[in-house]
Amino acid sequence: MTKIEDIETAIAQLPREQFDQLAEWLDRQRESDFDRQIEADAKAGRLDGLWAEAGREIAQGKARPLDELLDD
C-alpha cells in the first residue's frame, strides 16, 4: 500500500464528526495554499497582464460592479 492509500483507508474509518473536522481542516489548508500562491504570483508580476486587462475593460465600460453580479 502507498501512503495515500493508507491515509484513504484511515479516513474511511473515521467517525462522521472526525471526518467533518478533517474536511474542514483540509479546506482551510487548500485556501491558505491558494492565498500564498496568489500572493507569490502577484509579487512576481504574473498577474500584471490581468490587472491591465481589467483596467481597460473598466475604462471601456465593459465591467459591472461585483455586487450587481452577485445580486443577479
Protein backbone atom coordinates (compact mmCIF):
# COMPACT_ATOMS: atom_id res chain seq x y z
CA MET A 1 0.00 0.00 0.00
CA THR A 2 1.09 3.55 -0.67
CA LYS A 3 1.00 6.27 1.91
CA ILE A 4 -2.03 7.82 0.17
CA GLU A 5 -3.88 4.51 0.23
CA ASP A 6 -3.10 4.18 3.94
CA ILE A 7 -4.48 7.67 4.56
CA GLU A 8 -7.59 6.96 2.48
CA THR A 9 -8.23 3.76 4.45
CA ALA A 10 -7.81 5.60 7.76
CA ILE A 11 -10.14 8.40 6.64
CA ALA A 12 -12.80 5.91 5.57
CA GLN A 13 -12.80 4.52 9.13
CA LEU A 14 -13.26 7.88 10.87
CA PRO A 15 -16.48 8.64 12.72
CA ARG A 16 -18.56 11.27 10.92
CA GLU A 17 -17.65 14.07 13.36
CA GLN A 18 -13.92 13.47 12.93
CA PHE A 19 -14.33 13.17 9.16
CA ASP A 20 -16.06 16.57 9.12
CA GLN A 21 -13.28 18.09 11.23
CA LEU A 22 -10.69 16.71 8.85
CA ALA A 23 -12.60 18.01 5.82
CA GLU A 24 -12.75 21.49 7.36
CA TRP A 25 -9.02 21.38 8.10
CA LEU A 26 -8.26 20.32 4.52
CA ASP A 27 -10.42 23.15 3.19
CA ARG A 28 -8.51 25.66 5.33
CA GLN A 29 -5.19 24.23 4.12
CA ARG A 30 -6.25 24.45 0.47
CA GLU A 31 -7.46 28.04 0.93
CA SER A 32 -4.24 29.00 2.67
CA ASP A 33 -2.13 27.42 -0.08
CA PHE A 34 -4.19 29.23 -2.73
CA ASP A 35 -3.78 32.57 -0.94
CA ARG A 36 0.00 32.07 -0.71
CA GLN A 37 0.20 31.20 -4.42
CA ILE A 38 -1.84 34.25 -5.46
CA GLU A 39 0.35 36.48 -3.28
CA ALA A 40 3.53 35.00 -4.79
CA ASP A 41 2.15 35.38 -8.33
CA ALA A 42 1.20 39.00 -7.65
CA LYS A 43 4.64 39.83 -6.21
CA ALA A 44 6.31 38.17 -9.21
CA GLY A 45 4.24 40.23 -11.65
CA ARG A 46 2.43 37.22 -13.12
CA LEU A 47 -0.94 38.95 -12.63
CA ASP A 48 0.05 42.28 -14.16
CA GLY A 49 -1.47 41.43 -17.54
CA LEU A 50 -4.78 40.50 -15.93
CA TRP A 51 -4.83 43.75 -13.93
CA ALA A 52 -4.12 45.75 -17.07
CA GLU A 53 -6.87 43.96 -18.98
CA ALA A 54 -9.32 44.57 -16.14
CA GLY A 55 -8.38 48.25 -16.10
CA ARG A 56 -9.03 48.53 -19.84
CA GLU A 57 -12.40 46.81 -19.53
CA ILE A 58 -13.41 49.10 -16.68
CA ALA A 59 -12.35 52.16 -18.69
CA GLN A 60 -14.40 50.90 -21.66
CA GLY A 61 -17.47 50.36 -19.50
CA LYS A 62 -17.38 46.60 -20.06
CA ALA A 63 -17.27 45.76 -16.36
CA ARG A 64 -20.09 45.68 -13.83
CA PRO A 65 -19.71 46.12 -10.09
CA LEU A 66 -19.36 42.79 -8.32
CA ASP A 67 -22.35 43.47 -6.06
CA GLU A 68 -24.54 43.74 -9.18
CA LEU A 69 -23.34 40.37 -10.41
CA LEU A 70 -23.90 38.74 -7.04
CA ASP A 71 -27.44 40.14 -6.80
CA ASP A 72 -28.48 38.61 -10.15
